[in-house]
Full PDB file with SEQRES, HELIX, SHEET, SSBOND, CRYST1, ORIGX, SCALE, CONECT and MASTER records, all heavy atoms in Angstrom:
SEQRES   1 A   41  VAL LYS ALA GLN TRP ILE PRO SER GLY LEU VAL SER VAL          
SEQRES   2 A   41  LYS GLY THR VAL ALA GLN PHE LYS PRO ALA PRO GLU GLY          
SEQRES   3 A   41  LYS VAL ASP ALA LEU PHE LEU THR ASP GLY THR GLU VAL          
SEQRES   4 A   41  HIS PHE                                                      
HELIX    1 AA1 PRO A   24  GLY A   26  5                                   3    
SHEET    1 AA1 3 VAL A  17  PRO A  22  0                                        
SHEET    2 AA1 3 VAL A  28  LEU A  33 -1                                        
SHEET    3 AA1 3 GLU A  38  HIS A  40 -1                                        
CRYST1    1.000    1.000    1.000  90.00  90.00  90.00 P 1           1          
ORIGX1      1.000000  0.000000  0.000000        0.00000                         
ORIGX2      0.000000  1.000000  0.000000        0.00000                         
ORIGX3      0.000000  0.000000  1.000000        0.00000                         
SCALE1      1.000000  0.000000  0.000000        0.00000                         
SCALE2      0.000000  1.000000  0.000000        0.00000                         
SCALE3      0.000000  0.000000  1.000000        0.00000                         
ATOM      1  N   VAL A   1       6.325   7.561  -3.671  1.00  0.00           N  
ATOM      2  CA  VAL A   1       7.691   8.043  -3.513  1.00  0.00           C  
ATOM      3  C   VAL A   1       8.094   8.276  -2.077  1.00  0.00           C  
ATOM      4  O   VAL A   1       9.240   8.573  -1.802  1.00  0.00           O  
ATOM      5  CB  VAL A   1       7.909   9.344  -4.341  1.00  0.00           C  
ATOM      6  CG1 VAL A   1       7.761   9.091  -5.802  1.00  0.00           C  
ATOM      7  CG2 VAL A   1       6.937  10.422  -3.886  1.00  0.00           C  
ATOM      8  N   LYS A   2       7.185   8.137  -1.134  1.00  0.00           N  
ATOM      9  CA  LYS A   2       7.492   8.327   0.261  1.00  0.00           C  
ATOM     10  C   LYS A   2       8.105   7.057   0.894  1.00  0.00           C  
ATOM     11  O   LYS A   2       8.380   7.027   2.076  1.00  0.00           O  
ATOM     12  CB  LYS A   2       6.251   8.709   1.048  1.00  0.00           C  
ATOM     13  CG  LYS A   2       5.743  10.068   0.630  1.00  0.00           C  
ATOM     14  CD  LYS A   2       4.508  10.440   1.441  1.00  0.00           C  
ATOM     15  CE  LYS A   2       3.992  11.798   0.972  1.00  0.00           C  
ATOM     16  NZ  LYS A   2       2.825  12.206   1.722  1.00  0.00           N  
ATOM     17  N   ALA A   3       8.317   6.031   0.118  1.00  0.00           N  
ATOM     18  CA  ALA A   3       8.905   4.799   0.624  1.00  0.00           C  
ATOM     19  C   ALA A   3      10.314   5.053   1.141  1.00  0.00           C  
ATOM     20  O   ALA A   3      11.011   5.921   0.606  1.00  0.00           O  
ATOM     21  CB  ALA A   3       8.913   3.716  -0.450  1.00  0.00           C  
ATOM     22  N   GLN A   4      10.739   4.314   2.157  1.00  0.00           N  
ATOM     23  CA  GLN A   4      12.067   4.463   2.697  1.00  0.00           C  
ATOM     24  C   GLN A   4      12.825   3.180   2.497  1.00  0.00           C  
ATOM     25  O   GLN A   4      12.315   2.094   2.753  1.00  0.00           O  
ATOM     26  CB  GLN A   4      11.999   4.768   4.183  1.00  0.00           C  
ATOM     27  CG  GLN A   4      11.305   6.072   4.501  1.00  0.00           C  
ATOM     28  CD  GLN A   4      11.173   6.271   5.995  1.00  0.00           C  
ATOM     29  OE1 GLN A   4      11.497   5.438   6.788  1.00  0.00           O  
ATOM     30  NE2 GLN A   4      10.697   7.464   6.367  1.00  0.00           N  
ATOM     31  N   TRP A   5      14.061   3.264   2.052  1.00  0.00           N  
ATOM     32  CA  TRP A   5      14.927   2.086   1.897  1.00  0.00           C  
ATOM     33  C   TRP A   5      15.591   1.818   3.236  1.00  0.00           C  
ATOM     34  O   TRP A   5      16.130   2.724   3.875  1.00  0.00           O  
ATOM     35  CB  TRP A   5      15.967   2.306   0.803  1.00  0.00           C  
ATOM     36  CG  TRP A   5      15.319   2.376  -0.517  1.00  0.00           C  
ATOM     37  CD1 TRP A   5      14.977   3.492  -1.203  1.00  0.00           C  
ATOM     38  CD2 TRP A   5      14.927   1.281  -1.324  1.00  0.00           C  
ATOM     39  NE1 TRP A   5      14.380   3.160  -2.407  1.00  0.00           N  
ATOM     40  CE2 TRP A   5      14.334   1.803  -2.489  1.00  0.00           C  
ATOM     41  CE3 TRP A   5      14.990  -0.084  -1.174  1.00  0.00           C  
ATOM     42  CZ2 TRP A   5      13.826   1.002  -3.498  1.00  0.00           C  
ATOM     43  CZ3 TRP A   5      14.492  -0.903  -2.187  1.00  0.00           C  
ATOM     44  CH2 TRP A   5      13.925  -0.348  -3.328  1.00  0.00           C  
ATOM     45  N   ILE A   6      15.552   0.588   3.654  1.00  0.00           N  
ATOM     46  CA  ILE A   6      16.239   0.194   4.896  1.00  0.00           C  
ATOM     47  C   ILE A   6      17.470  -0.581   4.513  1.00  0.00           C  
ATOM     48  O   ILE A   6      17.551  -1.112   3.381  1.00  0.00           O  
ATOM     49  CB  ILE A   6      15.284  -0.553   5.836  1.00  0.00           C  
ATOM     50  CG1 ILE A   6      14.637  -1.748   5.176  1.00  0.00           C  
ATOM     51  CG2 ILE A   6      14.207   0.375   6.360  1.00  0.00           C  
ATOM     52  CD1 ILE A   6      13.739  -2.568   6.083  1.00  0.00           C  
ATOM     53  N   PRO A   7      18.462  -0.727   5.390  1.00  0.00           N  
ATOM     54  CA  PRO A   7      19.761  -1.315   5.035  1.00  0.00           C  
ATOM     55  C   PRO A   7      19.697  -2.690   4.338  1.00  0.00           C  
ATOM     56  O   PRO A   7      20.512  -2.973   3.521  1.00  0.00           O  
ATOM     57  CB  PRO A   7      20.468  -1.417   6.385  1.00  0.00           C  
ATOM     58  CG  PRO A   7      19.855  -0.337   7.218  1.00  0.00           C  
ATOM     59  CD  PRO A   7      18.432  -0.242   6.769  1.00  0.00           C  
ATOM     60  N   SER A   8      18.727  -3.492   4.635  1.00  0.00           N  
ATOM     61  CA  SER A   8      18.675  -4.824   4.046  1.00  0.00           C  
ATOM     62  C   SER A   8      18.257  -4.776   2.579  1.00  0.00           C  
ATOM     63  O   SER A   8      18.292  -5.779   1.884  1.00  0.00           O  
ATOM     64  CB  SER A   8      17.689  -5.704   4.793  1.00  0.00           C  
ATOM     65  OG  SER A   8      16.379  -5.225   4.626  1.00  0.00           O  
ATOM     66  N   GLY A   9      17.868  -3.575   2.081  1.00  0.00           N  
ATOM     67  CA  GLY A   9      17.454  -3.462   0.692  1.00  0.00           C  
ATOM     68  C   GLY A   9      15.948  -3.569   0.529  1.00  0.00           C  
ATOM     69  O   GLY A   9      15.435  -3.388  -0.551  1.00  0.00           O  
ATOM     70  N   LEU A  10      15.230  -3.859   1.593  1.00  0.00           N  
ATOM     71  CA  LEU A  10      13.785  -3.926   1.548  1.00  0.00           C  
ATOM     72  C   LEU A  10      13.196  -2.530   1.685  1.00  0.00           C  
ATOM     73  O   LEU A  10      13.838  -1.645   2.194  1.00  0.00           O  
ATOM     74  CB  LEU A  10      13.233  -4.824   2.649  1.00  0.00           C  
ATOM     75  CG  LEU A  10      13.675  -6.275   2.630  1.00  0.00           C  
ATOM     76  CD1 LEU A  10      13.163  -7.017   3.857  1.00  0.00           C  
ATOM     77  CD2 LEU A  10      13.176  -6.942   1.361  1.00  0.00           C  
ATOM     78  N   VAL A  11      11.976  -2.356   1.258  1.00  0.00           N  
ATOM     79  CA  VAL A  11      11.295  -1.088   1.385  1.00  0.00           C  
ATOM     80  C   VAL A  11      10.326  -1.180   2.520  1.00  0.00           C  
ATOM     81  O   VAL A  11       9.610  -2.143   2.698  1.00  0.00           O  
ATOM     82  CB  VAL A  11      10.533  -0.759   0.076  1.00  0.00           C  
ATOM     83  CG1 VAL A  11       9.766   0.547   0.196  1.00  0.00           C  
ATOM     84  CG2 VAL A  11      11.500  -0.675  -1.076  1.00  0.00           C  
ATOM     85  N   SER A  12      10.280  -0.121   3.357  1.00  0.00           N  
ATOM     86  CA  SER A  12       9.382  -0.083   4.496  1.00  0.00           C  
ATOM     87  C   SER A  12       8.494   1.144   4.372  1.00  0.00           C  
ATOM     88  O   SER A  12       8.987   2.251   4.139  1.00  0.00           O  
ATOM     89  CB  SER A  12      10.211  -0.026   5.783  1.00  0.00           C  
ATOM     90  OG  SER A  12       9.366   0.162   6.887  1.00  0.00           O  
ATOM     91  N   VAL A  13       7.185   0.935   4.560  1.00  0.00           N  
ATOM     92  CA  VAL A  13       6.215   2.026   4.552  1.00  0.00           C  
ATOM     93  C   VAL A  13       5.349   1.879   5.760  1.00  0.00           C  
ATOM     94  O   VAL A  13       4.798   0.818   6.010  1.00  0.00           O  
ATOM     95  CB  VAL A  13       5.374   2.030   3.267  1.00  0.00           C  
ATOM     96  CG1 VAL A  13       4.310   3.101   3.317  1.00  0.00           C  
ATOM     97  CG2 VAL A  13       6.238   2.213   2.061  1.00  0.00           C  
ATOM     98  N   LYS A  14       5.190   2.974   6.529  1.00  0.00           N  
ATOM     99  CA  LYS A  14       4.319   2.978   7.694  1.00  0.00           C  
ATOM    100  C   LYS A  14       3.154   3.905   7.401  1.00  0.00           C  
ATOM    101  O   LYS A  14       3.360   4.995   6.852  1.00  0.00           O  
ATOM    102  CB  LYS A  14       5.082   3.452   8.921  1.00  0.00           C  
ATOM    103  CG  LYS A  14       4.236   3.487  10.173  1.00  0.00           C  
ATOM    104  CD  LYS A  14       5.066   3.936  11.356  1.00  0.00           C  
ATOM    105  CE  LYS A  14       4.222   4.004  12.608  1.00  0.00           C  
ATOM    106  NZ  LYS A  14       5.013   4.435  13.771  1.00  0.00           N  
ATOM    107  N   GLY A  15       1.948   3.501   7.738  1.00  0.00           N  
ATOM    108  CA  GLY A  15       0.809   4.361   7.543  1.00  0.00           C  
ATOM    109  C   GLY A  15      -0.462   3.777   8.090  1.00  0.00           C  
ATOM    110  O   GLY A  15      -0.460   2.712   8.705  1.00  0.00           O  
ATOM    111  N   THR A  16      -1.540   4.502   7.903  1.00  0.00           N  
ATOM    112  CA  THR A  16      -2.834   4.101   8.382  1.00  0.00           C  
ATOM    113  C   THR A  16      -3.716   3.710   7.215  1.00  0.00           C  
ATOM    114  O   THR A  16      -3.800   4.448   6.209  1.00  0.00           O  
ATOM    115  CB  THR A  16      -3.518   5.236   9.167  1.00  0.00           C  
ATOM    116  OG1 THR A  16      -2.630   5.630  10.237  1.00  0.00           O  
ATOM    117  CG2 THR A  16      -4.854   4.830   9.754  1.00  0.00           C  
ATOM    118  N   VAL A  17      -4.382   2.561   7.307  1.00  0.00           N  
ATOM    119  CA  VAL A  17      -5.253   2.077   6.228  1.00  0.00           C  
ATOM    120  C   VAL A  17      -6.452   3.016   6.079  1.00  0.00           C  
ATOM    121  O   VAL A  17      -7.138   3.306   7.057  1.00  0.00           O  
ATOM    122  CB  VAL A  17      -5.734   0.652   6.518  1.00  0.00           C  
ATOM    123  CG1 VAL A  17      -6.716   0.173   5.414  1.00  0.00           C  
ATOM    124  CG2 VAL A  17      -4.553  -0.318   6.622  1.00  0.00           C  
ATOM    125  N   ALA A  18      -6.678   3.499   4.863  1.00  0.00           N  
ATOM    126  CA  ALA A  18      -7.799   4.351   4.569  1.00  0.00           C  
ATOM    127  C   ALA A  18      -8.967   3.528   4.029  1.00  0.00           C  
ATOM    128  O   ALA A  18     -10.098   3.630   4.519  1.00  0.00           O  
ATOM    129  CB  ALA A  18      -7.441   5.453   3.566  1.00  0.00           C  
ATOM    130  N   GLN A  19      -8.689   2.677   3.030  1.00  0.00           N  
ATOM    131  CA  GLN A  19      -9.744   1.850   2.430  1.00  0.00           C  
ATOM    132  C   GLN A  19      -9.120   0.777   1.549  1.00  0.00           C  
ATOM    133  O   GLN A  19      -7.956   0.846   1.190  1.00  0.00           O  
ATOM    134  CB  GLN A  19     -10.665   2.699   1.585  1.00  0.00           C  
ATOM    135  CG  GLN A  19     -10.017   3.322   0.376  1.00  0.00           C  
ATOM    136  CD  GLN A  19     -10.975   4.235  -0.400  1.00  0.00           C  
ATOM    137  OE1 GLN A  19     -11.820   4.879   0.187  1.00  0.00           O  
ATOM    138  NE2 GLN A  19     -10.827   4.254  -1.709  1.00  0.00           N  
ATOM    139  N   PHE A  20      -9.919  -0.236   1.270  1.00  0.00           N  
ATOM    140  CA  PHE A  20      -9.513  -1.277   0.320  1.00  0.00           C  
ATOM    141  C   PHE A  20      -9.903  -0.848  -1.079  1.00  0.00           C  
ATOM    142  O   PHE A  20     -10.897  -0.130  -1.265  1.00  0.00           O  
ATOM    143  CB  PHE A  20     -10.177  -2.605   0.686  1.00  0.00           C  
ATOM    144  CG  PHE A  20      -9.614  -3.207   1.933  1.00  0.00           C  
ATOM    145  CD1 PHE A  20     -10.306  -3.074   3.140  1.00  0.00           C  
ATOM    146  CD2 PHE A  20      -8.423  -3.884   1.959  1.00  0.00           C  
ATOM    147  CE1 PHE A  20      -9.793  -3.604   4.326  1.00  0.00           C  
ATOM    148  CE2 PHE A  20      -7.877  -4.411   3.091  1.00  0.00           C  
ATOM    149  CZ  PHE A  20      -8.590  -4.278   4.290  1.00  0.00           C  
ATOM    150  N   LYS A  21      -9.156  -1.291  -2.054  1.00  0.00           N  
ATOM    151  CA  LYS A  21      -9.407  -0.927  -3.460  1.00  0.00           C  
ATOM    152  C   LYS A  21     -10.059  -2.123  -4.182  1.00  0.00           C  
ATOM    153  O   LYS A  21      -9.492  -3.191  -4.261  1.00  0.00           O  
ATOM    154  CB  LYS A  21      -8.117  -0.565  -4.169  1.00  0.00           C  
ATOM    155  CG  LYS A  21      -8.282  -0.254  -5.617  1.00  0.00           C  
ATOM    156  CD  LYS A  21      -6.941  -0.006  -6.274  1.00  0.00           C  
ATOM    157  CE  LYS A  21      -7.094   0.116  -7.779  1.00  0.00           C  
ATOM    158  NZ  LYS A  21      -5.807   0.140  -8.460  1.00  0.00           N  
ATOM    159  N   PRO A  22     -11.256  -1.946  -4.707  1.00  0.00           N  
ATOM    160  CA  PRO A  22     -11.909  -3.042  -5.446  1.00  0.00           C  
ATOM    161  C   PRO A  22     -11.220  -3.329  -6.754  1.00  0.00           C  
ATOM    162  O   PRO A  22     -10.685  -2.417  -7.409  1.00  0.00           O  
ATOM    163  CB  PRO A  22     -13.329  -2.543  -5.657  1.00  0.00           C  
ATOM    164  CG  PRO A  22     -13.294  -1.083  -5.463  1.00  0.00           C  
ATOM    165  CD  PRO A  22     -12.090  -0.754  -4.632  1.00  0.00           C  
ATOM    166  N   ALA A  23     -11.187  -4.574  -7.145  1.00  0.00           N  
ATOM    167  CA  ALA A  23     -10.616  -5.023  -8.423  1.00  0.00           C  
ATOM    168  C   ALA A  23     -11.724  -5.612  -9.267  1.00  0.00           C  
ATOM    169  O   ALA A  23     -12.854  -5.785  -8.794  1.00  0.00           O  
ATOM    170  CB  ALA A  23      -9.529  -6.046  -8.146  1.00  0.00           C  
ATOM    171  N   PRO A  24     -11.437  -5.929 -10.516  1.00  0.00           N  
ATOM    172  CA  PRO A  24     -12.451  -6.556 -11.382  1.00  0.00           C  
ATOM    173  C   PRO A  24     -13.062  -7.811 -10.755  1.00  0.00           C  
ATOM    174  O   PRO A  24     -12.415  -8.460  -9.940  1.00  0.00           O  
ATOM    175  CB  PRO A  24     -11.686  -6.888 -12.656  1.00  0.00           C  
ATOM    176  CG  PRO A  24     -10.542  -5.949 -12.671  1.00  0.00           C  
ATOM    177  CD  PRO A  24     -10.185  -5.730 -11.220  1.00  0.00           C  
ATOM    178  N   GLU A  25     -14.267  -8.115 -11.144  1.00  0.00           N  
ATOM    179  CA  GLU A  25     -14.973  -9.335 -10.704  1.00  0.00           C  
ATOM    180  C   GLU A  25     -15.290  -9.303  -9.214  1.00  0.00           C  
ATOM    181  O   GLU A  25     -15.374 -10.362  -8.591  1.00  0.00           O  
ATOM    182  CB  GLU A  25     -14.236 -10.574 -11.106  1.00  0.00           C  
ATOM    183  CG  GLU A  25     -13.994 -10.687 -12.611  1.00  0.00           C  
ATOM    184  CD  GLU A  25     -13.195 -11.904 -12.989  1.00  0.00           C  
ATOM    185  OE1 GLU A  25     -13.055 -12.843 -12.182  1.00  0.00           O  
ATOM    186  OE2 GLU A  25     -12.709 -11.928 -14.128  1.00  0.00           O  
ATOM    187  N   GLY A  26     -15.371  -8.157  -8.619  1.00  0.00           N  
ATOM    188  CA  GLY A  26     -15.747  -8.063  -7.203  1.00  0.00           C  
ATOM    189  C   GLY A  26     -14.662  -8.431  -6.200  1.00  0.00           C  
ATOM    190  O   GLY A  26     -14.927  -8.565  -5.038  1.00  0.00           O  
ATOM    191  N   LYS A  27     -13.434  -8.634  -6.670  1.00  0.00           N  
ATOM    192  CA  LYS A  27     -12.350  -8.974  -5.759  1.00  0.00           C  
ATOM    193  C   LYS A  27     -11.634  -7.717  -5.288  1.00  0.00           C  
ATOM    194  O   LYS A  27     -11.946  -6.618  -5.744  1.00  0.00           O  
ATOM    195  CB  LYS A  27     -11.355  -9.893  -6.460  1.00  0.00           C  
ATOM    196  CG  LYS A  27     -11.997 -11.214  -6.839  1.00  0.00           C  
ATOM    197  CD  LYS A  27     -10.991 -12.148  -7.406  1.00  0.00           C  
ATOM    198  CE  LYS A  27     -11.712 -13.441  -7.783  1.00  0.00           C  
ATOM    199  NZ  LYS A  27     -10.824 -14.511  -8.110  1.00  0.00           N  
ATOM    200  N   VAL A  28     -10.728  -7.871  -4.369  1.00  0.00           N  
ATOM    201  CA  VAL A  28      -9.936  -6.775  -3.847  1.00  0.00           C  
ATOM    202  C   VAL A  28      -8.500  -7.140  -3.932  1.00  0.00           C  
ATOM    203  O   VAL A  28      -8.134  -8.255  -3.578  1.00  0.00           O  
ATOM    204  CB  VAL A  28     -10.326  -6.459  -2.364  1.00  0.00           C  
ATOM    205  CG1 VAL A  28      -9.395  -5.415  -1.794  1.00  0.00           C  
ATOM    206  CG2 VAL A  28     -11.794  -6.018  -2.295  1.00  0.00           C  
ATOM    207  N   ASP A  29      -7.650  -6.264  -4.463  1.00  0.00           N  
ATOM    208  CA  ASP A  29      -6.230  -6.600  -4.594  1.00  0.00           C  
ATOM    209  C   ASP A  29      -5.279  -5.523  -4.085  1.00  0.00           C  
ATOM    210  O   ASP A  29      -4.086  -5.587  -4.303  1.00  0.00           O  
ATOM    211  CB  ASP A  29      -5.903  -6.937  -6.030  1.00  0.00           C  
ATOM    212  CG  ASP A  29      -6.033  -5.749  -6.975  1.00  0.00           C  
ATOM    213  OD1 ASP A  29      -6.439  -4.684  -6.526  1.00  0.00           O  
ATOM    214  OD2 ASP A  29      -5.684  -5.913  -8.169  1.00  0.00           O  
ATOM    215  N   ALA A  30      -5.830  -4.523  -3.396  1.00  0.00           N  
ATOM    216  CA  ALA A  30      -4.979  -3.451  -2.880  1.00  0.00           C  
ATOM    217  C   ALA A  30      -5.669  -2.711  -1.779  1.00  0.00           C  
ATOM    218  O   ALA A  30      -6.867  -2.859  -1.538  1.00  0.00           O  
ATOM    219  CB  ALA A  30      -4.610  -2.482  -3.998  1.00  0.00           C  
ATOM    220  N   LEU A  31      -4.896  -1.900  -1.070  1.00  0.00           N  
ATOM    221  CA  LEU A  31      -5.439  -0.989  -0.105  1.00  0.00           C  
ATOM    222  C   LEU A  31      -4.750   0.356  -0.235  1.00  0.00           C  
ATOM    223  O   LEU A  31      -3.648   0.440  -0.787  1.00  0.00           O  
ATOM    224  CB  LEU A  31      -5.326  -1.545   1.326  1.00  0.00           C  
ATOM    225  CG  LEU A  31      -3.948  -1.897   1.868  1.00  0.00           C  
ATOM    226  CD1 LEU A  31      -3.259  -0.648   2.443  1.00  0.00           C  
ATOM    227  CD2 LEU A  31      -4.069  -2.942   2.960  1.00  0.00           C  
ATOM    228  N   PHE A  32      -5.383   1.386   0.222  1.00  0.00           N  
ATOM    229  CA  PHE A  32      -4.807   2.728   0.241  1.00  0.00           C  
ATOM    230  C   PHE A  32      -4.534   3.130   1.657  1.00  0.00           C  
ATOM    231  O   PHE A  32      -5.353   2.896   2.556  1.00  0.00           O  
ATOM    232  CB  PHE A  32      -5.778   3.744  -0.379  1.00  0.00           C  
ATOM    233  CG  PHE A  32      -5.937   3.643  -1.850  1.00  0.00           C  
ATOM    234  CD1 PHE A  32      -7.094   3.081  -2.381  1.00  0.00           C  
ATOM    235  CD2 PHE A  32      -4.965   4.115  -2.706  1.00  0.00           C  
ATOM    236  CE1 PHE A  32      -7.247   2.974  -3.739  1.00  0.00           C  
ATOM    237  CE2 PHE A  32      -5.113   4.018  -4.079  1.00  0.00           C  
ATOM    238  CZ  PHE A  32      -6.277   3.417  -4.601  1.00  0.00           C  
ATOM    239  N   LEU A  33      -3.383   3.768   1.881  1.00  0.00           N  
ATOM    240  CA  LEU A  33      -3.101   4.367   3.148  1.00  0.00           C  
ATOM    241  C   LEU A  33      -3.587   5.805   3.107  1.00  0.00           C  
ATOM    242  O   LEU A  33      -3.863   6.346   2.033  1.00  0.00           O  
ATOM    243  CB  LEU A  33      -1.591   4.333   3.420  1.00  0.00           C  
ATOM    244  CG  LEU A  33      -0.943   2.945   3.449  1.00  0.00           C  
ATOM    245  CD1 LEU A  33       0.554   3.073   3.705  1.00  0.00           C  
ATOM    246  CD2 LEU A  33      -1.604   2.048   4.471  1.00  0.00           C  
ATOM    247  N   THR A  34      -3.734   6.423   4.277  1.00  0.00           N  
ATOM    248  CA  THR A  34      -4.266   7.787   4.323  1.00  0.00           C  
ATOM    249  C   THR A  34      -3.407   8.797   3.584  1.00  0.00           C  
ATOM    250  O   THR A  34      -3.921   9.838   3.181  1.00  0.00           O  
ATOM    251  CB  THR A  34      -4.482   8.246   5.780  1.00  0.00           C  
ATOM    252  OG1 THR A  34      -3.236   8.110   6.480  1.00  0.00           O  
ATOM    253  CG2 THR A  34      -5.568   7.400   6.469  1.00  0.00           C  
ATOM    254  N   ASP A  35      -2.125   8.498   3.389  1.00  0.00           N  
ATOM    255  CA  ASP A  35      -1.282   9.449   2.626  1.00  0.00           C  
ATOM    256  C   ASP A  35      -1.332   9.205   1.108  1.00  0.00           C  
ATOM    257  O   ASP A  35      -0.620   9.835   0.365  1.00  0.00           O  
ATOM    258  CB  ASP A  35       0.170   9.362   3.136  1.00  0.00           C  
ATOM    259  CG  ASP A  35       0.875   8.071   2.788  1.00  0.00           C  
ATOM    260  OD1 ASP A  35       0.246   7.158   2.194  1.00  0.00           O  
ATOM    261  OD2 ASP A  35       2.073   7.952   3.113  1.00  0.00           O  
ATOM    262  N   GLY A  36      -2.183   8.267   0.673  1.00  0.00           N  
ATOM    263  CA  GLY A  36      -2.340   7.981  -0.740  1.00  0.00           C  
ATOM    264  C   GLY A  36      -1.506   6.825  -1.255  1.00  0.00           C  
ATOM    265  O   GLY A  36      -1.658   6.417  -2.400  1.00  0.00           O  
ATOM    266  N   THR A  37      -0.625   6.275  -0.414  1.00  0.00           N  
ATOM    267  CA  THR A  37       0.155   5.121  -0.840  1.00  0.00           C  
ATOM    268  C   THR A  37      -0.764   3.958  -1.144  1.00  0.00           C  
ATOM    269  O   THR A  37      -1.691   3.671  -0.392  1.00  0.00           O  
ATOM    270  CB  THR A  37       1.150   4.714   0.271  1.00  0.00           C  
ATOM    271  OG1 THR A  37       1.993   5.813   0.549  1.00  0.00           O  
ATOM    272  CG2 THR A  37       1.993   3.513  -0.129  1.00  0.00           C  
ATOM    273  N   GLU A  38      -0.513   3.291  -2.276  1.00  0.00           N  
ATOM    274  CA  GLU A  38      -1.312   2.154  -2.691  1.00  0.00           C  
ATOM    275  C   GLU A  38      -0.475   0.876  -2.481  1.00  0.00           C  
ATOM    276  O   GLU A  38       0.650   0.811  -2.994  1.00  0.00           O  
ATOM    277  CB  GLU A  38      -1.717   2.302  -4.151  1.00  0.00           C  
ATOM    278  CG  GLU A  38      -2.641   1.240  -4.654  1.00  0.00           C  
ATOM    279  CD  GLU A  38      -3.149   1.549  -6.049  1.00  0.00           C  
ATOM    280  OE1 GLU A  38      -2.923   2.676  -6.585  1.00  0.00           O  
ATOM    281  OE2 GLU A  38      -3.757   0.670  -6.631  1.00  0.00           O  
ATOM    282  N   VAL A  39      -0.999  -0.083  -1.762  1.00  0.00           N  
ATOM    283  CA  VAL A  39      -0.318  -1.335  -1.463  1.00  0.00           C  
ATOM    284  C   VAL A  39      -1.098  -2.454  -2.161  1.00  0.00           C  
ATOM    285  O   VAL A  39      -2.269  -2.686  -1.841  1.00  0.00           O  
ATOM    286  CB  VAL A  39      -0.223  -1.594   0.064  1.00  0.00           C  
ATOM    287  CG1 VAL A  39       0.493  -2.898   0.318  1.00  0.00           C  
ATOM    288  CG2 VAL A  39       0.471  -0.418   0.749  1.00  0.00           C  
ATOM    289  N   HIS A  40      -0.443  -3.175  -3.078  1.00  0.00           N  
ATOM    290  CA  HIS A  40      -1.085  -4.287  -3.785  1.00  0.00           C  
ATOM    291  C   HIS A  40      -0.758  -5.604  -3.154  1.00  0.00           C  
ATOM    292  O   HIS A  40       0.314  -5.793  -2.558  1.00  0.00           O  
ATOM    293  CB  HIS A  40      -0.598  -4.314  -5.229  1.00  0.00           C  
ATOM    294  CG  HIS A  40      -1.214  -3.246  -6.070  1.00  0.00           C  
ATOM    295  ND1 HIS A  40      -2.284  -3.486  -6.900  1.00  0.00           N  
ATOM    296  CD2 HIS A  40      -0.931  -1.949  -6.194  1.00  0.00           C  
ATOM    297  CE1 HIS A  40      -2.610  -2.388  -7.511  1.00  0.00           C  
ATOM    298  NE2 HIS A  40      -1.807  -1.415  -7.088  1.00  0.00           N  
ATOM    299  N   PHE A  41      -1.676  -6.540  -3.273  1.00  0.00           N  
ATOM    300  CA  PHE A  41      -1.479  -7.912  -2.799  1.00  0.00           C  
ATOM    301  C   PHE A  41      -2.347  -8.822  -3.667  1.00  0.00           C  
ATOM    302  O   PHE A  41      -3.296  -8.365  -4.283  1.00  0.00           O  
ATOM    303  CB  PHE A  41      -1.808  -8.066  -1.316  1.00  0.00           C  
ATOM    304  CG  PHE A  41      -3.129  -7.455  -0.913  1.00  0.00           C  
ATOM    305  CD1 PHE A  41      -4.307  -8.186  -1.034  1.00  0.00           C  
ATOM    306  CD2 PHE A  41      -3.202  -6.171  -0.435  1.00  0.00           C  
ATOM    307  CE1 PHE A  41      -5.518  -7.639  -0.681  1.00  0.00           C  
ATOM    308  CE2 PHE A  41      -4.406  -5.606  -0.066  1.00  0.00           C  
ATOM    309  CZ  PHE A  41      -5.587  -6.337  -0.185  1.00  0.00           C  
TER     310      PHE A  41                                                      
MASTER        0    0    0    1    3    0    0    6  309    1    0    4          
END                                                                             
């Protein structure tokens, strides 16, 4: 919920990477920022 809307309609989040999140089958599909924000890819 700490995301900020910028005029173009995109969402911008600034933070520091805390760790990567493991996914099934040994893959990784997300990372956590130090504030708890989860970013998926």
